[in-house]
Amino acid sequence: MNTTIEKEIFDIIGDNHQMTSVETPLRSDAFVRSDAQKMEVIEHHFEIIMKELGLDLTDDSLQGTPHRVAKMFVQEIFSGLNPANKPKISVFDNSYQYDKMLVEANISFNSTCEHHFLPIVGKAHIGYVSSGKVIGLSKLNRIVDYYARRPQVQERMIMQIFNELKTVLETDNVMVVMEATHLCVSSRGIKDESSYTSTLQYGGVFNQKEFLDDFYKMIHKE
């Protein structure tokens, strides 16, 4: 394929927010190298990028940047790629027989757009009705954080969180809403700084209007 046409197709795909799979696309050898080895390679290549941009890496402020970026990529903002970093989630029997909706609202998350590697910043709201299992509240935040810490598309991220909660809680009675600002929209392209993206995914009792209405009342109390 002509290189120019290929690049135009890549631009179109990125601007159309395309998602190819619910699973994050990873190579089969994604975790053969250690974190330290990955950081060394990333540091080398990011140094090349900075030099190509014309930056002077002998400057005191810039000379440590390739290492800092490499460490940030592997150990922080993309740490959710590695299954070894998946939070250990414990659930408990619903011994107090609470059979109504539980909602954890305004869970902050920071993710990264996989098309332009720019930040996605937002809030997640989670609700569920127990079918016999309950989960510690902080674990809901940890699940959101784990799936956010990887190159993402918001539609995939919400599906991954939703599916994880269904599996852990052993119920379809789960609802997730995510609202986020995408810097690939606000800082490039159309440069719209006021818009945000909302996604929702739900199942079980949340297919009933009364549960949906109650959920939205609880997350929009203000």
N, C-alpha and C. Protein backbone atom coordinates (compact mmCIF):
# COMPACT_ATOMS: atom_id res chain seq x y z
N MET A 1 0.84 -1.19 0.00
CA MET A 1 0.00 0.00 0.00
C MET A 1 0.88 1.25 0.00
N ASN A 2 0.43 2.27 -0.74
CA ASN A 2 1.14 3.54 -0.78
C ASN A 2 1.27 4.12 0.63
N THR A 3 2.49 4.56 0.99
CA THR A 3 2.74 5.04 2.35
C THR A 3 1.86 6.23 2.71
N THR A 4 1.67 7.16 1.77
CA THR A 4 0.84 8.34 2.03
C THR A 4 -0.60 7.94 2.32
N ILE A 5 -1.13 7.02 1.52
CA ILE A 5 -2.51 6.54 1.72
C ILE A 5 -2.63 5.83 3.06
N GLU A 6 -1.61 5.04 3.38
CA GLU A 6 -1.61 4.30 4.64
C GLU A 6 -1.67 5.26 5.82
N LYS A 7 -0.89 6.34 5.78
CA LYS A 7 -0.88 7.31 6.86
C LYS A 7 -2.23 8.02 6.97
N GLU A 8 -2.86 8.29 5.83
CA GLU A 8 -4.18 8.93 5.85
C GLU A 8 -5.21 8.01 6.50
N ILE A 9 -5.10 6.71 6.22
CA ILE A 9 -6.01 5.74 6.83
C ILE A 9 -5.81 5.70 8.34
N PHE A 10 -4.54 5.73 8.77
CA PHE A 10 -4.24 5.74 10.20
C PHE A 10 -4.87 6.96 10.88
N ASP A 11 -4.79 8.13 10.22
CA ASP A 11 -5.37 9.35 10.78
C ASP A 11 -6.89 9.22 10.90
N ILE A 12 -7.52 8.65 9.88
CA ILE A 12 -8.97 8.48 9.90
C ILE A 12 -9.40 7.55 11.01
N ILE A 13 -8.68 6.44 11.18
CA ILE A 13 -8.99 5.48 12.24
C ILE A 13 -8.89 6.15 13.61
N GLY A 14 -7.81 6.90 13.83
CA GLY A 14 -7.63 7.56 15.11
C GLY A 14 -8.72 8.57 15.40
N ASP A 15 -9.08 9.38 14.42
CA ASP A 15 -10.09 10.40 14.62
C ASP A 15 -11.48 9.81 14.80
N ASN A 16 -11.67 8.57 14.35
CA ASN A 16 -12.97 7.91 14.51
C ASN A 16 -13.03 7.01 15.73
N HIS A 17 -11.98 7.08 16.58
CA HIS A 17 -12.04 6.42 17.90
C HIS A 17 -12.28 4.92 17.77
N GLN A 18 -11.67 4.29 16.80
CA GLN A 18 -11.93 2.88 16.52
C GLN A 18 -11.36 1.96 17.59
N MET A 19 -12.17 0.94 17.95
CA MET A 19 -11.74 -0.10 18.89
C MET A 19 -11.84 -1.43 18.15
N THR A 20 -10.79 -2.23 18.19
CA THR A 20 -10.78 -3.48 17.44
C THR A 20 -11.17 -4.68 18.27
N SER A 21 -11.06 -4.59 19.61
CA SER A 21 -11.35 -5.73 20.46
C SER A 21 -11.60 -5.27 21.89
N VAL A 22 -12.37 -6.06 22.65
CA VAL A 22 -12.56 -5.76 24.07
C VAL A 22 -11.26 -6.00 24.84
N GLU A 23 -10.44 -6.90 24.34
CA GLU A 23 -9.13 -7.15 24.95
C GLU A 23 -8.11 -6.15 24.42
N THR A 24 -7.25 -5.68 25.30
CA THR A 24 -6.17 -4.80 24.87
C THR A 24 -5.23 -5.57 23.95
N PRO A 25 -4.95 -5.05 22.74
CA PRO A 25 -4.10 -5.79 21.80
C PRO A 25 -2.65 -5.87 22.27
N LEU A 26 -2.23 -7.06 22.64
CA LEU A 26 -0.87 -7.29 23.13
C LEU A 26 -0.21 -8.39 22.32
N ARG A 27 1.09 -8.26 22.10
CA ARG A 27 1.85 -9.31 21.44
C ARG A 27 2.02 -10.49 22.39
N SER A 28 2.26 -11.67 21.83
CA SER A 28 2.43 -12.87 22.64
C SER A 28 3.70 -12.80 23.51
N ASP A 29 4.69 -12.01 23.07
CA ASP A 29 5.94 -11.89 23.83
C ASP A 29 6.00 -10.59 24.64
N ALA A 30 4.83 -10.05 24.99
CA ALA A 30 4.76 -8.73 25.63
C ALA A 30 5.51 -8.66 26.94
N PHE A 31 5.65 -9.78 27.65
CA PHE A 31 6.26 -9.73 28.98
C PHE A 31 7.48 -10.64 29.10
N VAL A 32 8.13 -10.88 27.98
CA VAL A 32 9.36 -11.66 28.00
C VAL A 32 10.47 -10.83 28.65
N ARG A 33 10.55 -9.56 28.29
CA ARG A 33 11.55 -8.67 28.88
C ARG A 33 11.10 -8.20 30.25
N SER A 34 12.08 -7.98 31.13
CA SER A 34 11.79 -7.44 32.45
C SER A 34 11.46 -5.95 32.33
N ASP A 35 10.89 -5.39 33.39
CA ASP A 35 10.61 -3.96 33.40
C ASP A 35 11.89 -3.14 33.20
N ALA A 36 12.97 -3.57 33.82
CA ALA A 36 14.24 -2.85 33.70
C ALA A 36 14.73 -2.84 32.25
N GLN A 37 14.58 -3.99 31.57
CA GLN A 37 15.01 -4.07 30.17
C GLN A 37 14.15 -3.18 29.29
N LYS A 38 12.87 -3.19 29.54
CA LYS A 38 11.97 -2.33 28.76
C LYS A 38 12.30 -0.85 28.96
N MET A 39 12.56 -0.49 30.19
CA MET A 39 12.88 0.90 30.49
C MET A 39 14.15 1.34 29.77
N GLU A 40 15.14 0.45 29.69
CA GLU A 40 16.39 0.78 29.01
C GLU A 40 16.16 1.05 27.53
N VAL A 41 15.34 0.22 26.89
CA VAL A 41 15.05 0.39 25.46
C VAL A 41 14.24 1.66 25.22
N ILE A 42 13.20 1.88 26.04
CA ILE A 42 12.36 3.07 25.89
C ILE A 42 13.18 4.34 26.10
N GLU A 43 14.05 4.32 27.11
CA GLU A 43 14.90 5.47 27.38
C GLU A 43 15.75 5.82 26.15
N HIS A 44 16.33 4.80 25.53
CA HIS A 44 17.15 5.01 24.34
C HIS A 44 16.35 5.65 23.21
N HIS A 45 15.18 5.10 22.94
CA HIS A 45 14.39 5.60 21.82
C HIS A 45 13.76 6.96 22.10
N PHE A 46 13.41 7.21 23.35
CA PHE A 46 12.84 8.52 23.65
C PHE A 46 13.90 9.61 23.57
N GLU A 47 15.13 9.25 23.88
CA GLU A 47 16.23 10.19 23.70
C GLU A 47 16.37 10.57 22.23
N ILE A 48 16.21 9.59 21.36
CA ILE A 48 16.28 9.86 19.91
C ILE A 48 15.14 10.80 19.50
N ILE A 49 13.95 10.56 20.01
CA ILE A 49 12.80 11.41 19.68
C ILE A 49 13.07 12.86 20.11
N MET A 50 13.58 13.02 21.32
CA MET A 50 13.85 14.37 21.81
C MET A 50 14.90 15.08 20.97
N LYS A 51 15.92 14.34 20.56
CA LYS A 51 16.96 14.93 19.72
C LYS A 51 16.40 15.32 18.36
N GLU A 52 15.52 14.47 17.80
CA GLU A 52 14.91 14.78 16.51
C GLU A 52 14.04 16.03 16.59
N LEU A 53 13.49 16.31 17.78
CA LEU A 53 12.69 17.52 17.97
C LEU A 53 13.58 18.76 18.13
N GLY A 54 14.89 18.53 18.23
CA GLY A 54 15.82 19.65 18.32
C GLY A 54 16.19 20.04 19.73
N LEU A 55 15.82 19.21 20.70
CA LEU A 55 16.10 19.55 22.10
C LEU A 55 17.55 19.24 22.47
N ASP A 56 18.10 20.05 23.35
CA ASP A 56 19.48 19.90 23.80
C ASP A 56 19.50 19.08 25.08
N LEU A 57 19.86 17.81 24.98
CA LEU A 57 19.83 16.92 26.13
C LEU A 57 21.00 17.11 27.09
N THR A 58 21.89 18.04 26.78
CA THR A 58 22.95 18.36 27.74
C THR A 58 22.44 19.36 28.78
N ASP A 59 21.28 19.94 28.52
CA ASP A 59 20.70 20.89 29.48
C ASP A 59 20.32 20.13 30.76
N ASP A 60 20.59 20.73 31.91
CA ASP A 60 20.32 20.07 33.20
C ASP A 60 18.87 19.65 33.34
N SER A 61 17.95 20.44 32.80
CA SER A 61 16.53 20.14 32.95
C SER A 61 16.08 18.96 32.08
N LEU A 62 16.77 18.73 30.97
CA LEU A 62 16.33 17.72 30.00
C LEU A 62 17.10 16.41 30.04
N GLN A 63 18.31 16.42 30.59
CA GLN A 63 19.16 15.24 30.42
C GLN A 63 18.61 13.99 31.11
N GLY A 64 17.80 14.16 32.13
CA GLY A 64 17.22 12.98 32.80
C GLY A 64 15.84 12.61 32.28
N THR A 65 15.32 13.37 31.31
CA THR A 65 13.94 13.15 30.84
C THR A 65 13.73 11.79 30.19
N PRO A 66 14.62 11.30 29.31
CA PRO A 66 14.38 9.97 28.73
C PRO A 66 14.21 8.88 29.78
N HIS A 67 15.03 8.93 30.83
CA HIS A 67 14.90 7.93 31.89
C HIS A 67 13.59 8.10 32.65
N ARG A 68 13.23 9.35 32.95
CA ARG A 68 11.99 9.60 33.68
C ARG A 68 10.78 9.13 32.89
N VAL A 69 10.78 9.39 31.58
CA VAL A 69 9.67 8.96 30.73
C VAL A 69 9.58 7.44 30.68
N ALA A 70 10.72 6.79 30.52
CA ALA A 70 10.74 5.32 30.46
C ALA A 70 10.19 4.71 31.75
N LYS A 71 10.63 5.25 32.87
CA LYS A 71 10.15 4.76 34.17
C LYS A 71 8.66 5.00 34.32
N MET A 72 8.20 6.18 33.91
CA MET A 72 6.78 6.52 34.00
C MET A 72 5.93 5.58 33.13
N PHE A 73 6.39 5.32 31.91
CA PHE A 73 5.64 4.44 31.01
C PHE A 73 5.48 3.05 31.61
N VAL A 74 6.57 2.46 32.05
CA VAL A 74 6.56 1.06 32.48
C VAL A 74 5.97 0.87 33.87
N GLN A 75 6.33 1.74 34.80
CA GLN A 75 5.95 1.51 36.20
C GLN A 75 4.71 2.29 36.64
N GLU A 76 4.29 3.25 35.82
CA GLU A 76 3.15 4.06 36.26
C GLU A 76 2.01 4.04 35.25
N ILE A 77 2.04 4.90 34.25
CA ILE A 77 0.83 5.11 33.45
C ILE A 77 0.45 3.92 32.56
N PHE A 78 1.40 3.00 32.28
CA PHE A 78 1.05 1.81 31.51
C PHE A 78 1.25 0.53 32.31
N SER A 79 1.27 0.65 33.62
CA SER A 79 1.48 -0.53 34.47
C SER A 79 0.32 -1.51 34.39
N GLY A 80 -0.86 -1.04 33.95
CA GLY A 80 -2.01 -1.91 33.82
C GLY A 80 -1.93 -2.89 32.67
N LEU A 81 -0.92 -2.76 31.83
CA LEU A 81 -0.73 -3.73 30.75
C LEU A 81 -0.27 -5.08 31.29
N ASN A 82 0.46 -5.06 32.39
CA ASN A 82 1.07 -6.28 32.92
C ASN A 82 0.12 -6.97 33.89
N PRO A 83 -0.32 -8.20 33.58
CA PRO A 83 -1.24 -8.92 34.48
C PRO A 83 -0.68 -9.10 35.89
N ALA A 84 0.65 -9.05 36.03
CA ALA A 84 1.25 -9.18 37.36
C ALA A 84 0.85 -8.03 38.27
N ASN A 85 0.42 -6.90 37.68
CA ASN A 85 0.02 -5.74 38.47
C ASN A 85 -1.48 -5.69 38.75
N LYS A 86 -2.19 -6.71 38.31
CA LYS A 86 -3.64 -6.74 38.54
C LYS A 86 -3.91 -6.81 40.04
N PRO A 87 -4.81 -5.96 40.55
CA PRO A 87 -5.06 -5.97 42.00
C PRO A 87 -5.71 -7.27 42.45
N LYS A 88 -5.33 -7.71 43.63
CA LYS A 88 -5.94 -8.91 44.20
C LYS A 88 -7.28 -8.52 44.79
N ILE A 89 -8.34 -9.08 44.23
CA ILE A 89 -9.70 -8.71 44.61
C ILE A 89 -10.33 -9.80 45.46
N SER A 90 -10.70 -9.44 46.67
CA SER A 90 -11.41 -10.37 47.56
C SER A 90 -12.87 -9.98 47.63
N VAL A 91 -13.74 -10.98 47.56
CA VAL A 91 -15.17 -10.75 47.75
C VAL A 91 -15.62 -11.52 48.98
N PHE A 92 -16.74 -11.10 49.52
CA PHE A 92 -17.24 -11.69 50.75
C PHE A 92 -18.71 -12.06 50.58
N ASP A 93 -19.15 -13.01 51.36
CA ASP A 93 -20.57 -13.34 51.36
C ASP A 93 -21.37 -12.17 51.90
N ASN A 94 -22.51 -11.94 51.29
CA ASN A 94 -23.39 -10.86 51.70
C ASN A 94 -24.16 -11.28 52.96
N SER A 95 -23.42 -11.41 54.06
CA SER A 95 -23.98 -11.97 55.29
C SER A 95 -25.03 -11.07 55.93
N TYR A 96 -24.97 -9.74 55.62
CA TYR A 96 -25.96 -8.83 56.20
C TYR A 96 -27.18 -8.68 55.31
N GLN A 97 -27.22 -9.48 54.22
CA GLN A 97 -28.42 -9.57 53.38
C GLN A 97 -28.87 -8.22 52.81
N TYR A 98 -27.89 -7.37 52.49
CA TYR A 98 -28.24 -6.11 51.83
C TYR A 98 -28.60 -6.40 50.38
N ASP A 99 -29.85 -6.12 50.00
CA ASP A 99 -30.32 -6.53 48.68
C ASP A 99 -30.69 -5.36 47.78
N LYS A 100 -30.23 -4.17 48.15
CA LYS A 100 -30.49 -2.99 47.33
C LYS A 100 -29.21 -2.59 46.58
N MET A 101 -29.31 -1.50 45.84
CA MET A 101 -28.20 -1.04 45.01
C MET A 101 -27.08 -0.43 45.86
N LEU A 102 -25.85 -0.75 45.52
CA LEU A 102 -24.68 -0.08 46.08
C LEU A 102 -24.01 0.71 44.97
N VAL A 103 -23.70 1.97 45.25
CA VAL A 103 -23.09 2.83 44.24
C VAL A 103 -21.81 3.46 44.77
N GLU A 104 -20.76 3.37 44.00
CA GLU A 104 -19.51 4.10 44.26
C GLU A 104 -19.37 5.13 43.15
N ALA A 105 -19.50 6.41 43.48
CA ALA A 105 -19.52 7.47 42.47
C ALA A 105 -18.23 8.28 42.48
N ASN A 106 -17.99 8.94 41.36
CA ASN A 106 -16.87 9.89 41.23
C ASN A 106 -15.51 9.26 41.49
N ILE A 107 -15.29 8.09 40.91
CA ILE A 107 -13.97 7.45 40.99
C ILE A 107 -13.07 8.10 39.94
N SER A 108 -12.06 8.81 40.39
CA SER A 108 -11.17 9.50 39.45
C SER A 108 -10.26 8.51 38.73
N PHE A 109 -10.03 8.76 37.45
CA PHE A 109 -9.08 7.93 36.71
C PHE A 109 -8.32 8.77 35.70
N ASN A 110 -7.10 8.31 35.41
CA ASN A 110 -6.27 8.90 34.36
C ASN A 110 -5.84 7.79 33.44
N SER A 111 -6.15 7.94 32.16
CA SER A 111 -5.76 6.94 31.19
C SER A 111 -5.05 7.63 30.02
N THR A 112 -4.81 6.88 28.96
CA THR A 112 -4.06 7.39 27.81
C THR A 112 -4.71 6.92 26.52
N CYS A 113 -5.00 7.86 25.64
CA CYS A 113 -5.59 7.52 24.34
C CYS A 113 -4.58 6.71 23.51
N GLU A 114 -5.00 5.55 23.03
CA GLU A 114 -4.07 4.70 22.30
C GLU A 114 -3.79 5.20 20.88
N HIS A 115 -4.56 6.16 20.41
CA HIS A 115 -4.35 6.67 19.05
C HIS A 115 -3.34 7.80 18.98
N HIS A 116 -3.25 8.60 20.05
CA HIS A 116 -2.32 9.73 20.04
C HIS A 116 -1.45 9.79 21.29
N PHE A 117 -1.65 8.85 22.21
CA PHE A 117 -0.89 8.81 23.47
C PHE A 117 -1.00 10.13 24.23
N LEU A 118 -2.22 10.65 24.29
CA LEU A 118 -2.52 11.84 25.08
C LEU A 118 -3.47 11.44 26.21
N PRO A 119 -3.51 12.22 27.30
CA PRO A 119 -4.30 11.83 28.46
C PRO A 119 -5.80 11.77 28.23
N ILE A 120 -6.43 10.84 28.93
CA ILE A 120 -7.88 10.76 29.10
C ILE A 120 -8.11 10.91 30.60
N VAL A 121 -8.85 11.94 31.00
CA VAL A 121 -9.04 12.24 32.43
C VAL A 121 -10.53 12.26 32.73
N GLY A 122 -10.95 11.53 33.76
CA GLY A 122 -12.37 11.53 34.03
C GLY A 122 -12.78 10.89 35.33
N LYS A 123 -14.08 10.57 35.39
CA LYS A 123 -14.70 9.95 36.56
C LYS A 123 -15.46 8.71 36.12
N ALA A 124 -15.44 7.70 36.99
CA ALA A 124 -16.23 6.50 36.78
C ALA A 124 -17.24 6.37 37.92
N HIS A 125 -18.42 5.84 37.60
CA HIS A 125 -19.46 5.60 38.58
C HIS A 125 -19.87 4.14 38.44
N ILE A 126 -19.87 3.41 39.55
CA ILE A 126 -20.16 1.98 39.53
C ILE A 126 -21.31 1.67 40.47
N GLY A 127 -22.23 0.84 40.00
CA GLY A 127 -23.30 0.36 40.84
C GLY A 127 -23.48 -1.14 40.66
N TYR A 128 -23.91 -1.80 41.70
CA TYR A 128 -24.24 -3.22 41.57
C TYR A 128 -25.26 -3.62 42.62
N VAL A 129 -25.99 -4.68 42.33
CA VAL A 129 -26.91 -5.30 43.27
C VAL A 129 -26.39 -6.70 43.52
N SER A 130 -26.10 -7.01 44.77
CA SER A 130 -25.47 -8.28 45.12
C SER A 130 -26.38 -9.47 44.82
N SER A 131 -25.77 -10.50 44.29
CA SER A 131 -26.45 -11.80 44.13
C SER A 131 -25.89 -12.80 45.13
N GLY A 132 -25.26 -12.26 46.18
CA GLY A 132 -24.69 -13.12 47.20
C GLY A 132 -23.26 -12.76 47.57
N LYS A 133 -22.60 -11.93 46.73
CA LYS A 133 -21.22 -11.53 46.98
C LYS A 133 -21.14 -10.01 47.07
N VAL A 134 -20.25 -9.51 47.92
CA VAL A 134 -19.97 -8.08 48.01
C VAL A 134 -18.46 -7.88 47.91
N ILE A 135 -18.08 -6.66 47.54
CA ILE A 135 -16.67 -6.35 47.33
C ILE A 135 -16.29 -5.13 48.16
N GLY A 136 -15.06 -5.09 48.66
CA GLY A 136 -14.59 -3.92 49.39
C GLY A 136 -14.63 -2.69 48.50
N LEU A 137 -15.06 -1.55 49.04
CA LEU A 137 -15.24 -0.35 48.23
C LEU A 137 -13.97 0.08 47.53
N SER A 138 -12.84 0.04 48.22
CA SER A 138 -11.58 0.49 47.61
C SER A 138 -11.19 -0.39 46.42
N LYS A 139 -11.68 -1.63 46.40
CA LYS A 139 -11.35 -2.54 45.29
C LYS A 139 -12.00 -2.07 44.00
N LEU A 140 -13.14 -1.39 44.10
CA LEU A 140 -13.77 -0.84 42.91
C LEU A 140 -12.86 0.20 42.28
N ASN A 141 -12.28 1.06 43.12
CA ASN A 141 -11.33 2.07 42.63
C ASN A 141 -10.11 1.41 42.00
N ARG A 142 -9.63 0.34 42.62
CA ARG A 142 -8.43 -0.34 42.12
C ARG A 142 -8.68 -0.99 40.77
N ILE A 143 -9.87 -1.54 40.57
CA ILE A 143 -10.21 -2.15 39.28
C ILE A 143 -10.23 -1.09 38.18
N VAL A 144 -10.85 0.05 38.47
CA VAL A 144 -10.88 1.15 37.50
C VAL A 144 -9.46 1.61 37.18
N ASP A 145 -8.64 1.79 38.20
CA ASP A 145 -7.27 2.27 38.02
C ASP A 145 -6.45 1.29 37.19
N TYR A 146 -6.62 -0.01 37.44
CA TYR A 146 -5.84 -1.03 36.72
C TYR A 146 -6.12 -0.98 35.22
N TYR A 147 -7.39 -0.93 34.85
CA TYR A 147 -7.71 -0.93 33.43
C TYR A 147 -7.48 0.43 32.77
N ALA A 148 -7.41 1.49 33.57
CA ALA A 148 -7.11 2.82 33.02
C ALA A 148 -5.64 2.97 32.69
N ARG A 149 -4.77 2.22 33.40
CA ARG A 149 -3.33 2.40 33.25
C ARG A 149 -2.77 1.57 32.08
N ARG A 150 -3.27 1.91 30.91
CA ARG A 150 -2.81 1.30 29.67
C ARG A 150 -3.30 2.16 28.52
N PRO A 151 -2.71 2.06 27.34
CA PRO A 151 -3.28 2.78 26.19
C PRO A 151 -4.71 2.29 25.99
N GLN A 152 -5.66 3.22 25.88
CA GLN A 152 -7.05 2.83 25.91
C GLN A 152 -7.91 3.55 24.87
N VAL A 153 -9.07 2.96 24.65
CA VAL A 153 -10.22 3.59 24.03
C VAL A 153 -11.31 3.52 25.09
N GLN A 154 -12.05 4.58 25.29
CA GLN A 154 -12.99 4.60 26.42
C GLN A 154 -14.02 3.48 26.34
N GLU A 155 -14.44 3.13 25.12
CA GLU A 155 -15.42 2.05 24.97
C GLU A 155 -14.85 0.72 25.44
N ARG A 156 -13.57 0.48 25.16
CA ARG A 156 -12.94 -0.77 25.62
C ARG A 156 -12.78 -0.75 27.14
N MET A 157 -12.32 0.39 27.66
CA MET A 157 -12.06 0.48 29.09
C MET A 157 -13.31 0.18 29.91
N ILE A 158 -14.45 0.72 29.50
CA ILE A 158 -15.66 0.49 30.28
C ILE A 158 -16.09 -0.98 30.19
N MET A 159 -15.89 -1.61 29.03
CA MET A 159 -16.23 -3.02 28.89
C MET A 159 -15.33 -3.89 29.74
N GLN A 160 -14.05 -3.56 29.81
CA GLN A 160 -13.12 -4.34 30.63
C GLN A 160 -13.48 -4.25 32.11
N ILE A 161 -13.82 -3.05 32.56
CA ILE A 161 -14.21 -2.86 33.96
C ILE A 161 -15.52 -3.58 34.24
N PHE A 162 -16.48 -3.44 33.36
CA PHE A 162 -17.79 -4.08 33.51
C PHE A 162 -17.65 -5.60 33.57
N ASN A 163 -16.89 -6.17 32.64
CA ASN A 163 -16.72 -7.63 32.61
C ASN A 163 -15.98 -8.14 33.85
N GLU A 164 -15.00 -7.38 34.31
CA GLU A 164 -14.27 -7.78 35.52
C GLU A 164 -15.20 -7.80 36.73
N LEU A 165 -16.04 -6.79 36.85
CA LEU A 165 -16.96 -6.73 37.99
C LEU A 165 -17.98 -7.85 37.93
N LYS A 166 -18.48 -8.15 36.74
CA LYS A 166 -19.43 -9.26 36.61
C LYS A 166 -18.80 -10.58 37.05
N THR A 167 -17.55 -10.78 36.64
CA THR A 167 -16.84 -12.02 36.99
C THR A 167 -16.59 -12.11 38.48
N VAL A 168 -16.08 -11.03 39.05
CA VAL A 168 -15.72 -11.03 40.47
C VAL A 168 -16.95 -11.17 41.37
N LEU A 169 -18.02 -10.45 41.02
CA LEU A 169 -19.22 -10.43 41.85
C LEU A 169 -20.18 -11.57 41.53
N GLU A 170 -19.90 -12.29 40.44
CA GLU A 170 -20.73 -13.42 40.01
C GLU A 170 -22.19 -12.99 39.81
N THR A 171 -22.35 -11.87 39.12
CA THR A 171 -23.69 -11.36 38.84
C THR A 171 -23.67 -10.48 37.59
N ASP A 172 -24.81 -10.41 36.90
CA ASP A 172 -24.97 -9.48 35.79
C ASP A 172 -25.49 -8.12 36.27
N ASN A 173 -25.81 -8.01 37.55
CA ASN A 173 -26.42 -6.80 38.09
C ASN A 173 -25.37 -5.72 38.34
N VAL A 174 -24.75 -5.27 37.28
CA VAL A 174 -23.65 -4.29 37.36
C VAL A 174 -23.91 -3.15 36.38
N MET A 175 -23.58 -1.95 36.80
CA MET A 175 -23.66 -0.79 35.90
C MET A 175 -22.42 0.06 36.07
N VAL A 176 -21.88 0.51 34.94
CA VAL A 176 -20.70 1.38 34.94
C VAL A 176 -20.97 2.56 34.01
N VAL A 177 -20.70 3.76 34.50
CA VAL A 177 -20.76 4.97 33.68
C VAL A 177 -19.40 5.65 33.77
N MET A 178 -18.89 6.09 32.62
CA MET A 178 -17.61 6.80 32.59
C MET A 178 -17.78 8.11 31.82
N GLU A 179 -17.24 9.18 32.40
CA GLU A 179 -17.28 10.50 31.79
C GLU A 179 -15.85 11.03 31.76
N ALA A 180 -15.38 11.41 30.58
CA ALA A 180 -13.96 11.78 30.48
C ALA A 180 -13.71 12.87 29.44
N THR A 181 -12.66 13.62 29.71
CA THR A 181 -12.14 14.59 28.76
C THR A 181 -10.94 13.97 28.06
N HIS A 182 -10.92 14.05 26.73
CA HIS A 182 -9.85 13.48 25.93
C HIS A 182 -8.98 14.61 25.38
N LEU A 183 -7.72 14.62 25.76
CA LEU A 183 -6.84 15.68 25.27
C LEU A 183 -6.57 15.58 23.77
N CYS A 184 -6.82 14.41 23.18
CA CYS A 184 -6.67 14.31 21.73
C CYS A 184 -7.77 15.10 21.02
N VAL A 185 -8.83 15.47 21.75
CA VAL A 185 -9.89 16.33 21.23
C VAL A 185 -9.64 17.78 21.62
N SER A 186 -9.22 18.00 22.88
CA SER A 186 -9.11 19.37 23.38
C SER A 186 -7.80 20.06 23.01
N SER A 187 -6.72 19.29 22.78
CA SER A 187 -5.43 19.93 22.53
C SER A 187 -4.91 19.77 21.11
N ARG A 188 -5.62 19.01 20.27
CA ARG A 188 -5.22 18.84 18.88
C ARG A 188 -6.49 18.70 18.04
N GLY A 189 -6.32 18.57 16.74
CA GLY A 189 -7.49 18.39 15.88
C GLY A 189 -8.47 19.54 16.01
N ILE A 190 -9.69 19.24 16.44
CA ILE A 190 -10.75 20.24 16.55
C ILE A 190 -10.50 21.22 17.70
N LYS A 191 -9.69 20.81 18.70
CA LYS A 191 -9.33 21.65 19.85
C LYS A 191 -10.57 22.18 20.59
N ASP A 192 -11.48 21.28 20.87
CA ASP A 192 -12.69 21.61 21.62
C ASP A 192 -12.42 21.34 23.10
N GLU A 193 -12.35 22.38 23.89
CA GLU A 193 -11.99 22.25 25.30
C GLU A 193 -13.19 22.05 26.22
N SER A 194 -14.41 22.14 25.71
CA SER A 194 -15.59 22.07 26.58
C SER A 194 -16.29 20.71 26.55
N SER A 195 -16.06 19.91 25.53
CA SER A 195 -16.79 18.66 25.41
C SER A 195 -16.17 17.55 26.25
N TYR A 196 -16.98 16.55 26.58
CA TYR A 196 -16.48 15.36 27.25
C TYR A 196 -17.24 14.15 26.71
N THR A 197 -16.70 12.98 26.93
CA THR A 197 -17.26 11.75 26.39
C THR A 197 -17.87 10.92 27.51
N SER A 198 -19.10 10.45 27.31
CA SER A 198 -19.77 9.59 28.29
C SER A 198 -20.03 8.22 27.67
N THR A 199 -19.78 7.18 28.45
CA THR A 199 -20.10 5.81 28.04
C THR A 199 -20.79 5.12 29.21
N LEU A 200 -21.64 4.15 28.90
CA LEU A 200 -22.28 3.37 29.94
C LEU A 200 -22.44 1.93 29.49
N GLN A 201 -22.39 1.04 30.46
CA GLN A 201 -22.58 -0.39 30.20
C GLN A 201 -23.29 -0.98 31.41
N TYR A 202 -24.30 -1.79 31.17
CA TYR A 202 -25.06 -2.34 32.29
C TYR A 202 -25.71 -3.66 31.90
N GLY A 203 -26.14 -4.40 32.92
CA GLY A 203 -26.81 -5.67 32.70
C GLY A 203 -27.70 -6.02 33.88
N GLY A 204 -28.34 -7.16 33.80
CA GLY A 204 -29.18 -7.64 34.88
C GLY A 204 -30.32 -6.70 35.22
N VAL A 205 -30.48 -6.38 36.50
CA VAL A 205 -31.60 -5.56 36.95
C VAL A 205 -31.53 -4.14 36.40
N PHE A 206 -30.35 -3.71 35.94
CA PHE A 206 -30.22 -2.35 35.43
C PHE A 206 -30.86 -2.19 34.05
N ASN A 207 -31.35 -3.28 33.50
CA ASN A 207 -32.15 -3.17 32.28
C ASN A 207 -33.54 -2.64 32.59
N GLN A 208 -33.89 -2.57 33.87
CA GLN A 208 -35.18 -2.05 34.28
C GLN A 208 -35.07 -0.55 34.55
N LYS A 209 -36.02 0.21 34.03
CA LYS A 209 -35.96 1.68 34.11
C LYS A 209 -35.84 2.18 35.54
N GLU A 210 -36.51 1.55 36.49
CA GLU A 210 -36.48 2.05 37.86
C GLU A 210 -35.07 1.99 38.45
N PHE A 211 -34.32 0.94 38.09
CA PHE A 211 -32.95 0.82 38.59
C PHE A 211 -32.04 1.85 37.92
N LEU A 212 -32.24 2.05 36.61
CA LEU A 212 -31.46 3.07 35.91
C LEU A 212 -31.72 4.45 36.51
N ASP A 213 -32.99 4.76 36.73
CA ASP A 213 -33.34 6.07 37.28
C ASP A 213 -32.72 6.26 38.67
N ASP A 214 -32.81 5.23 39.51
CA ASP A 214 -32.25 5.33 40.86
C ASP A 214 -30.74 5.51 40.82
N PHE A 215 -30.09 4.80 39.89
CA PHE A 215 -28.63 4.92 39.77
C PHE A 215 -28.25 6.35 39.42
N TYR A 216 -28.91 6.93 38.42
CA TYR A 216 -28.56 8.29 38.00
C TYR A 216 -28.89 9.31 39.07
N LYS A 217 -29.93 9.08 39.85
CA LYS A 217 -30.24 9.98 40.96
C LYS A 217 -29.11 9.96 41.99
N MET A 218 -28.56 8.79 42.23
CA MET A 218 -27.52 8.65 43.25
C MET A 218 -26.19 9.27 42.81
N ILE A 219 -25.88 9.20 41.51
CA ILE A 219 -24.59 9.76 41.08
C ILE A 219 -24.68 11.24 40.75
N HIS A 220 -25.89 11.76 40.62
CA HIS A 220 -26.06 13.18 40.31
C HIS A 220 -26.88 13.85 41.41
N LYS A 221 -26.44 13.69 42.63
CA LYS A 221 -27.16 14.25 43.77
C LYS A 221 -27.06 15.76 43.84
N GLU A 222 -25.96 16.32 43.34
CA GLU A 222 -25.70 17.75 43.51
C GLU A 222 -26.59 18.58 42.62
